[in-house]
N, C-alpha and C. Protein backbone atom coordinates (compact mmCIF):
# COMPACT_ATOMS: atom_id res chain seq x y z
N MET A 1 -101.34 89.67 -145.21
CA MET A 1 -101.33 88.22 -145.42
C MET A 1 -100.15 87.86 -146.32
N ALA A 2 -99.47 86.79 -145.96
CA ALA A 2 -98.29 86.38 -146.72
C ALA A 2 -98.73 85.78 -148.05
N SER A 3 -97.88 85.92 -149.02
CA SER A 3 -98.17 85.33 -150.33
C SER A 3 -98.04 83.81 -150.25
N ALA A 4 -98.57 83.15 -151.25
CA ALA A 4 -98.49 81.70 -151.30
C ALA A 4 -97.04 81.23 -151.31
N ASP A 5 -96.18 81.94 -152.05
CA ASP A 5 -94.77 81.56 -152.10
C ASP A 5 -94.12 81.66 -150.73
N GLU A 6 -94.45 82.70 -149.97
CA GLU A 6 -93.88 82.87 -148.63
C GLU A 6 -94.40 81.77 -147.69
N ALA A 7 -95.68 81.45 -147.82
CA ALA A 7 -96.26 80.40 -146.98
C ALA A 7 -95.60 79.06 -147.28
N ILE A 8 -95.41 78.77 -148.56
CA ILE A 8 -94.77 77.51 -148.95
C ILE A 8 -93.34 77.47 -148.42
N ALA A 9 -92.62 78.55 -148.56
CA ALA A 9 -91.23 78.61 -148.08
C ALA A 9 -91.17 78.39 -146.57
N GLU A 10 -92.10 78.98 -145.85
CA GLU A 10 -92.11 78.84 -144.39
C GLU A 10 -92.41 77.39 -144.01
N ILE A 11 -93.37 76.77 -144.66
CA ILE A 11 -93.73 75.38 -144.38
C ILE A 11 -92.57 74.45 -144.73
N GLU A 12 -91.97 74.66 -145.88
CA GLU A 12 -90.84 73.82 -146.29
C GLU A 12 -89.67 73.98 -145.32
N GLY A 13 -89.47 75.19 -144.80
CA GLY A 13 -88.41 75.42 -143.82
C GLY A 13 -88.65 74.64 -142.53
N ARG A 14 -89.90 74.65 -142.05
CA ARG A 14 -90.25 73.88 -140.84
C ARG A 14 -90.03 72.39 -141.07
N ARG A 15 -90.46 71.91 -142.23
CA ARG A 15 -90.30 70.50 -142.55
C ARG A 15 -88.82 70.11 -142.61
N ALA A 16 -88.03 70.95 -143.24
CA ALA A 16 -86.59 70.66 -143.37
C ALA A 16 -85.93 70.62 -141.99
N ALA A 17 -86.30 71.54 -141.11
CA ALA A 17 -85.72 71.56 -139.76
C ALA A 17 -86.12 70.30 -138.99
N ARG A 18 -87.38 69.91 -139.10
CA ARG A 18 -87.85 68.71 -138.41
C ARG A 18 -87.13 67.46 -138.94
N LYS A 19 -86.99 67.37 -140.26
CA LYS A 19 -86.34 66.21 -140.86
C LYS A 19 -84.85 66.18 -140.51
N ALA A 20 -84.22 67.35 -140.41
CA ALA A 20 -82.81 67.41 -140.02
C ALA A 20 -82.64 66.91 -138.58
N GLU A 21 -83.55 67.26 -137.70
CA GLU A 21 -83.50 66.80 -136.31
C GLU A 21 -83.70 65.27 -136.25
N LEU A 22 -84.64 64.76 -137.01
CA LEU A 22 -84.86 63.31 -137.05
C LEU A 22 -83.64 62.58 -137.61
N ASP A 23 -83.01 63.17 -138.62
CA ASP A 23 -81.82 62.56 -139.20
C ASP A 23 -80.69 62.51 -138.17
N GLU A 24 -80.56 63.55 -137.38
CA GLU A 24 -79.53 63.56 -136.33
C GLU A 24 -79.83 62.50 -135.28
N GLN A 25 -81.10 62.36 -134.89
CA GLN A 25 -81.49 61.32 -133.94
C GLN A 25 -81.20 59.94 -134.51
N ARG A 26 -81.49 59.76 -135.81
CA ARG A 26 -81.22 58.48 -136.47
C ARG A 26 -79.74 58.14 -136.43
N LYS A 27 -78.90 59.14 -136.68
CA LYS A 27 -77.45 58.91 -136.66
C LYS A 27 -76.97 58.51 -135.28
N VAL A 28 -77.50 59.14 -134.24
CA VAL A 28 -77.13 58.79 -132.87
C VAL A 28 -77.54 57.34 -132.58
N GLN A 29 -78.77 56.97 -132.97
CA GLN A 29 -79.25 55.60 -132.75
C GLN A 29 -78.43 54.61 -133.57
N LEU A 30 -78.11 54.96 -134.81
CA LEU A 30 -77.32 54.08 -135.66
C LEU A 30 -75.96 53.81 -135.03
N ALA A 31 -75.34 54.82 -134.45
CA ALA A 31 -74.04 54.63 -133.79
C ALA A 31 -74.17 53.63 -132.64
N LEU A 32 -75.23 53.74 -131.85
CA LEU A 32 -75.47 52.79 -130.75
C LEU A 32 -75.68 51.38 -131.30
N ASP A 33 -76.47 51.29 -132.36
CA ASP A 33 -76.76 49.98 -132.96
C ASP A 33 -75.51 49.35 -133.55
N LEU A 34 -74.69 50.14 -134.22
CA LEU A 34 -73.47 49.62 -134.82
C LEU A 34 -72.50 49.12 -133.74
N GLU A 35 -72.48 49.79 -132.60
CA GLU A 35 -71.64 49.34 -131.49
C GLU A 35 -72.08 47.95 -131.03
N GLN A 36 -73.39 47.75 -130.91
CA GLN A 36 -73.92 46.44 -130.53
C GLN A 36 -73.60 45.39 -131.60
N LEU A 37 -73.80 45.76 -132.86
CA LEU A 37 -73.50 44.84 -133.95
C LEU A 37 -72.04 44.42 -133.92
N ASP A 38 -71.15 45.36 -133.73
CA ASP A 38 -69.72 45.06 -133.68
C ASP A 38 -69.41 44.07 -132.55
N GLU A 39 -69.98 44.31 -131.38
CA GLU A 39 -69.76 43.41 -130.24
C GLU A 39 -70.29 42.00 -130.54
N LEU A 40 -71.46 41.94 -131.16
CA LEU A 40 -72.05 40.63 -131.47
C LEU A 40 -71.27 39.89 -132.54
N GLU A 41 -70.73 40.62 -133.51
CA GLU A 41 -69.89 39.99 -134.53
C GLU A 41 -68.62 39.43 -133.90
N LEU A 42 -68.05 40.18 -132.97
CA LEU A 42 -66.85 39.70 -132.28
C LEU A 42 -67.16 38.47 -131.45
N LYS A 43 -68.29 38.46 -130.78
CA LYS A 43 -68.67 37.36 -129.91
C LYS A 43 -69.05 36.10 -130.69
N HIS A 44 -69.87 36.26 -131.74
CA HIS A 44 -70.41 35.11 -132.45
C HIS A 44 -69.68 34.79 -133.76
N GLY A 45 -68.94 35.74 -134.29
CA GLY A 45 -68.27 35.58 -135.58
C GLY A 45 -68.97 36.43 -136.63
N ASP A 46 -68.17 37.13 -137.43
CA ASP A 46 -68.72 38.04 -138.43
C ASP A 46 -69.71 37.36 -139.38
N ASN A 47 -69.45 36.13 -139.74
CA ASN A 47 -70.28 35.43 -140.71
C ASN A 47 -71.44 34.67 -140.08
N LEU A 48 -71.58 34.77 -138.76
CA LEU A 48 -72.61 33.99 -138.08
C LEU A 48 -73.73 34.84 -137.51
N VAL A 49 -73.74 36.11 -137.88
CA VAL A 49 -74.85 36.99 -137.48
C VAL A 49 -75.43 37.64 -138.73
N VAL A 50 -76.70 37.96 -138.65
CA VAL A 50 -77.42 38.61 -139.73
C VAL A 50 -77.98 39.93 -139.21
N ARG A 51 -77.71 40.98 -139.95
CA ARG A 51 -78.20 42.32 -139.61
C ARG A 51 -79.39 42.63 -140.52
N ILE A 52 -80.51 43.01 -139.92
CA ILE A 52 -81.68 43.40 -140.69
C ILE A 52 -81.96 44.87 -140.38
N ASN A 53 -81.78 45.72 -141.38
CA ASN A 53 -82.06 47.14 -141.22
C ASN A 53 -83.54 47.40 -141.42
N VAL A 54 -84.08 48.34 -140.66
CA VAL A 54 -85.45 48.75 -140.89
C VAL A 54 -85.46 49.86 -141.94
N ASP A 55 -86.58 50.04 -142.60
CA ASP A 55 -86.62 50.93 -143.76
C ASP A 55 -86.79 52.41 -143.45
N ARG A 56 -87.01 52.73 -142.18
CA ARG A 56 -87.15 54.14 -141.81
C ARG A 56 -86.85 54.28 -140.33
N TYR A 57 -86.49 55.50 -139.93
CA TYR A 57 -86.18 55.75 -138.53
C TYR A 57 -87.46 56.08 -137.77
N VAL A 58 -87.61 55.43 -136.63
CA VAL A 58 -88.71 55.71 -135.71
C VAL A 58 -88.07 56.04 -134.37
N PRO A 59 -88.35 57.23 -133.82
CA PRO A 59 -87.73 57.59 -132.54
C PRO A 59 -87.94 56.52 -131.47
N ASP A 60 -86.91 56.31 -130.69
CA ASP A 60 -86.90 55.36 -129.58
C ASP A 60 -86.89 53.89 -130.01
N LEU A 61 -86.60 53.63 -131.28
CA LEU A 61 -86.44 52.26 -131.74
C LEU A 61 -85.09 52.12 -132.44
N PRO A 62 -84.48 50.94 -132.37
CA PRO A 62 -83.23 50.71 -133.09
C PRO A 62 -83.42 50.82 -134.60
N THR A 63 -82.32 51.00 -135.29
CA THR A 63 -82.35 51.07 -136.75
C THR A 63 -82.14 49.70 -137.38
N MET A 64 -81.91 48.70 -136.53
CA MET A 64 -81.65 47.35 -137.03
C MET A 64 -81.96 46.34 -135.94
N ALA A 65 -82.08 45.11 -136.37
CA ALA A 65 -82.13 43.97 -135.46
C ALA A 65 -81.02 43.02 -135.89
N VAL A 66 -80.49 42.28 -134.95
CA VAL A 66 -79.39 41.37 -135.24
C VAL A 66 -79.78 39.96 -134.74
N PHE A 67 -79.52 38.98 -135.60
CA PHE A 67 -79.87 37.60 -135.32
C PHE A 67 -78.64 36.73 -135.55
N ARG A 68 -78.52 35.67 -134.78
CA ARG A 68 -77.50 34.67 -135.06
C ARG A 68 -78.08 33.70 -136.07
N LEU A 69 -77.23 33.00 -136.77
CA LEU A 69 -77.71 31.96 -137.66
C LEU A 69 -78.30 30.83 -136.82
N PRO A 70 -79.34 30.20 -137.31
CA PRO A 70 -79.93 29.11 -136.54
C PRO A 70 -78.99 27.91 -136.48
N ASN A 71 -79.08 27.20 -135.37
CA ASN A 71 -78.26 25.99 -135.23
C ASN A 71 -78.94 24.84 -135.97
N PRO A 72 -78.26 23.72 -136.14
CA PRO A 72 -78.86 22.61 -136.91
C PRO A 72 -80.21 22.14 -136.37
N ALA A 73 -80.37 22.07 -135.06
CA ALA A 73 -81.65 21.62 -134.50
C ALA A 73 -82.77 22.61 -134.82
N GLU A 74 -82.48 23.90 -134.73
CA GLU A 74 -83.49 24.92 -135.06
C GLU A 74 -83.85 24.87 -136.54
N THR A 75 -82.85 24.66 -137.38
CA THR A 75 -83.11 24.57 -138.82
C THR A 75 -83.96 23.34 -139.13
N LYS A 76 -83.66 22.21 -138.49
CA LYS A 76 -84.44 20.99 -138.70
C LYS A 76 -85.89 21.20 -138.25
N ARG A 77 -86.07 21.83 -137.10
CA ARG A 77 -87.42 22.09 -136.59
C ARG A 77 -88.18 23.02 -137.55
N TYR A 78 -87.51 24.05 -138.05
CA TYR A 78 -88.12 24.98 -139.01
C TYR A 78 -88.58 24.22 -140.26
N LYS A 79 -87.70 23.40 -140.80
CA LYS A 79 -88.05 22.66 -142.01
C LYS A 79 -89.20 21.69 -141.77
N ALA A 80 -89.23 21.08 -140.60
CA ALA A 80 -90.34 20.18 -140.27
C ALA A 80 -91.66 20.93 -140.18
N GLN A 81 -91.61 22.14 -139.62
CA GLN A 81 -92.84 22.93 -139.46
C GLN A 81 -93.41 23.43 -140.78
N ILE A 82 -92.56 23.58 -141.79
CA ILE A 82 -93.07 24.10 -143.06
C ILE A 82 -93.52 23.00 -144.02
N GLN A 83 -93.25 21.75 -143.66
CA GLN A 83 -93.65 20.63 -144.51
C GLN A 83 -95.16 20.43 -144.45
N PRO A 84 -95.77 19.97 -145.53
CA PRO A 84 -97.20 19.65 -145.50
C PRO A 84 -97.48 18.58 -144.44
N ARG A 85 -98.64 18.70 -143.81
CA ARG A 85 -99.05 17.73 -142.79
C ARG A 85 -99.52 16.43 -143.45
N LYS A 86 -99.63 15.41 -142.65
CA LYS A 86 -100.10 14.11 -143.16
C LYS A 86 -101.51 14.20 -143.73
N ASN A 87 -102.31 15.14 -143.18
CA ASN A 87 -103.68 15.30 -143.66
C ASN A 87 -103.76 16.18 -144.91
N GLY A 88 -102.61 16.59 -145.44
CA GLY A 88 -102.57 17.40 -146.65
C GLY A 88 -102.56 18.90 -146.42
N GLN A 89 -102.78 19.31 -145.18
CA GLN A 89 -102.74 20.74 -144.87
C GLN A 89 -101.30 21.24 -145.00
N PRO A 90 -101.14 22.45 -145.55
CA PRO A 90 -99.78 22.99 -145.67
C PRO A 90 -99.20 23.33 -144.30
N GLY A 91 -97.88 23.32 -144.22
CA GLY A 91 -97.22 23.76 -143.01
C GLY A 91 -97.37 25.26 -142.87
N ASP A 92 -97.14 25.76 -141.69
CA ASP A 92 -97.27 27.20 -141.43
C ASP A 92 -95.89 27.85 -141.49
N ALA A 93 -95.51 28.29 -142.68
CA ALA A 93 -94.17 28.85 -142.89
C ALA A 93 -93.96 30.13 -142.09
N ILE A 94 -94.99 30.95 -141.96
CA ILE A 94 -94.83 32.20 -141.22
C ILE A 94 -94.62 31.92 -139.73
N ALA A 95 -95.43 31.06 -139.16
CA ALA A 95 -95.25 30.72 -137.74
C ALA A 95 -93.89 30.08 -137.50
N ALA A 96 -93.47 29.22 -138.41
CA ALA A 96 -92.16 28.58 -138.27
C ALA A 96 -91.05 29.61 -138.33
N ALA A 97 -91.16 30.55 -139.26
CA ALA A 97 -90.15 31.60 -139.39
C ALA A 97 -90.12 32.48 -138.15
N GLU A 98 -91.28 32.82 -137.64
CA GLU A 98 -91.33 33.69 -136.47
C GLU A 98 -90.76 33.00 -135.23
N THR A 99 -91.04 31.72 -135.08
CA THR A 99 -90.46 30.96 -133.96
C THR A 99 -88.94 30.93 -134.07
N LEU A 100 -88.46 30.68 -135.27
CA LEU A 100 -87.02 30.66 -135.50
C LEU A 100 -86.40 32.02 -135.22
N GLY A 101 -87.05 33.08 -135.72
CA GLY A 101 -86.52 34.43 -135.51
C GLY A 101 -86.44 34.80 -134.04
N GLN A 102 -87.45 34.47 -133.28
CA GLN A 102 -87.43 34.76 -131.84
C GLN A 102 -86.29 34.03 -131.15
N ALA A 103 -86.06 32.78 -131.55
CA ALA A 103 -84.99 31.99 -130.93
C ALA A 103 -83.61 32.55 -131.26
N ALA A 104 -83.46 33.14 -132.44
CA ALA A 104 -82.15 33.59 -132.91
C ALA A 104 -81.87 35.07 -132.65
N LEU A 105 -82.81 35.78 -132.05
CA LEU A 105 -82.64 37.22 -131.80
C LEU A 105 -81.48 37.49 -130.85
N LEU A 106 -80.59 38.37 -131.26
CA LEU A 106 -79.48 38.81 -130.41
C LEU A 106 -79.63 40.25 -129.95
N TYR A 107 -80.18 41.09 -130.82
CA TYR A 107 -80.32 42.52 -130.52
C TYR A 107 -81.49 43.06 -131.31
N PRO A 108 -82.31 43.88 -130.71
CA PRO A 108 -82.30 44.43 -129.36
C PRO A 108 -82.91 43.46 -128.35
N GLU A 109 -83.13 43.95 -127.15
CA GLU A 109 -83.79 43.15 -126.13
C GLU A 109 -85.19 42.77 -126.62
N PRO A 110 -85.71 41.62 -126.17
CA PRO A 110 -87.01 41.15 -126.67
C PRO A 110 -88.16 42.16 -126.55
N ASP A 111 -88.24 42.91 -125.46
CA ASP A 111 -89.35 43.87 -125.33
C ASP A 111 -89.24 44.99 -126.36
N VAL A 112 -88.03 45.43 -126.64
CA VAL A 112 -87.82 46.46 -127.67
C VAL A 112 -88.11 45.87 -129.05
N PHE A 113 -87.68 44.64 -129.26
CA PHE A 113 -87.94 43.99 -130.54
C PHE A 113 -89.45 43.83 -130.78
N THR A 114 -90.19 43.53 -129.74
CA THR A 114 -91.65 43.43 -129.86
C THR A 114 -92.22 44.75 -130.35
N ARG A 115 -91.74 45.86 -129.80
CA ARG A 115 -92.20 47.18 -130.26
C ARG A 115 -91.79 47.43 -131.71
N MET A 116 -90.60 46.98 -132.08
CA MET A 116 -90.16 47.11 -133.48
C MET A 116 -91.11 46.35 -134.40
N CYS A 117 -91.49 45.15 -133.99
CA CYS A 117 -92.36 44.31 -134.83
C CYS A 117 -93.76 44.90 -134.96
N GLU A 118 -94.18 45.68 -133.98
CA GLU A 118 -95.48 46.36 -134.08
C GLU A 118 -95.44 47.44 -135.14
N THR A 119 -94.27 48.05 -135.33
CA THR A 119 -94.09 49.09 -136.34
C THR A 119 -93.72 48.52 -137.69
N PHE A 120 -92.79 47.58 -137.69
CA PHE A 120 -92.29 46.95 -138.91
C PHE A 120 -92.85 45.52 -138.92
N THR A 121 -94.04 45.36 -139.44
CA THR A 121 -94.82 44.16 -139.22
C THR A 121 -94.25 42.89 -139.84
N THR A 122 -93.39 42.99 -140.83
CA THR A 122 -92.80 41.78 -141.43
C THR A 122 -91.35 41.57 -141.01
N LEU A 123 -90.87 42.35 -140.07
CA LEU A 123 -89.47 42.28 -139.65
C LEU A 123 -89.07 40.88 -139.18
N LEU A 124 -89.85 40.29 -138.32
CA LEU A 124 -89.49 38.99 -137.76
C LEU A 124 -89.45 37.92 -138.83
N THR A 125 -90.44 37.88 -139.68
CA THR A 125 -90.47 36.88 -140.75
C THR A 125 -89.31 37.08 -141.71
N ASN A 126 -89.06 38.33 -142.12
CA ASN A 126 -87.96 38.62 -143.03
C ASN A 126 -86.61 38.23 -142.42
N ALA A 127 -86.45 38.52 -141.14
CA ALA A 127 -85.20 38.19 -140.48
C ALA A 127 -84.97 36.69 -140.44
N ALA A 128 -86.02 35.95 -140.10
CA ALA A 128 -85.87 34.50 -140.01
C ALA A 128 -85.56 33.89 -141.37
N VAL A 129 -86.25 34.36 -142.40
CA VAL A 129 -85.99 33.84 -143.75
C VAL A 129 -84.56 34.16 -144.18
N THR A 130 -84.10 35.37 -143.89
CA THR A 130 -82.73 35.76 -144.22
C THR A 130 -81.73 34.89 -143.47
N ALA A 131 -81.98 34.65 -142.19
CA ALA A 131 -81.07 33.83 -141.39
C ALA A 131 -81.04 32.38 -141.89
N ILE A 132 -82.20 31.85 -142.24
CA ILE A 132 -82.24 30.46 -142.70
C ILE A 132 -81.52 30.33 -144.04
N LYS A 133 -81.68 31.32 -144.93
CA LYS A 133 -80.98 31.29 -146.21
C LYS A 133 -79.47 31.38 -146.00
N ALA A 134 -79.05 32.25 -145.09
CA ALA A 134 -77.62 32.38 -144.81
C ALA A 134 -77.08 31.08 -144.20
N SER A 135 -77.86 30.46 -143.37
CA SER A 135 -77.46 29.20 -142.75
C SER A 135 -77.34 28.10 -143.80
N GLU A 136 -78.30 28.03 -144.71
CA GLU A 136 -78.24 27.02 -145.76
C GLU A 136 -77.04 27.25 -146.67
N GLY A 137 -76.75 28.51 -146.94
CA GLY A 137 -75.57 28.82 -147.74
C GLY A 137 -74.31 28.37 -147.05
N ARG A 138 -74.24 28.55 -145.74
CA ARG A 138 -73.09 28.11 -144.98
C ARG A 138 -72.99 26.60 -145.01
N ALA A 139 -74.12 25.92 -144.86
CA ALA A 139 -74.09 24.45 -144.87
C ALA A 139 -73.60 23.94 -146.23
N GLU A 140 -74.04 24.57 -147.31
CA GLU A 140 -73.58 24.16 -148.63
C GLU A 140 -72.07 24.40 -148.77
N GLU A 141 -71.59 25.54 -148.27
CA GLU A 141 -70.17 25.84 -148.34
C GLU A 141 -69.37 24.79 -147.59
N GLU A 142 -69.92 24.30 -146.46
CA GLU A 142 -69.22 23.33 -145.64
C GLU A 142 -69.44 21.91 -146.14
N GLY A 143 -70.21 21.76 -147.20
CA GLY A 143 -70.46 20.44 -147.76
C GLY A 143 -71.55 19.67 -147.06
N LYS A 144 -72.41 20.39 -146.30
CA LYS A 144 -73.48 19.72 -145.56
C LYS A 144 -74.84 19.94 -146.19
N GLY A 145 -74.92 20.67 -147.30
CA GLY A 145 -76.21 21.05 -147.86
C GLY A 145 -76.77 20.05 -148.80
């Protein structure tokens, strides 16, 4: 029977090999994602897209999602949805953010993004909030805020 030290070394070796393989897969996916990001920045403008990285690699999912900044009509609709209702009920900020995020999604394809959101449950809301903040910053810079 192997000693505890040998067993630990063997287990740690297996773990390290598995993690190295996952890291290599992550790098391959990141290269694909960065290629898409680069194309979208060229198409829409570097300052008009928002990249949201996910916090860990999951096989068969992108390492990021990319959104365009919302247009003025989308921003107005978002702000209207988050305002308190006439009956005093608060607006639904999460639903408003998710609607905005879906409208502004550039990458990945919607079906893949849906799978991402099942794994990274706050991704859509975080992306929409980030995009709206970036959009408001742009409007202030342009003197429209």
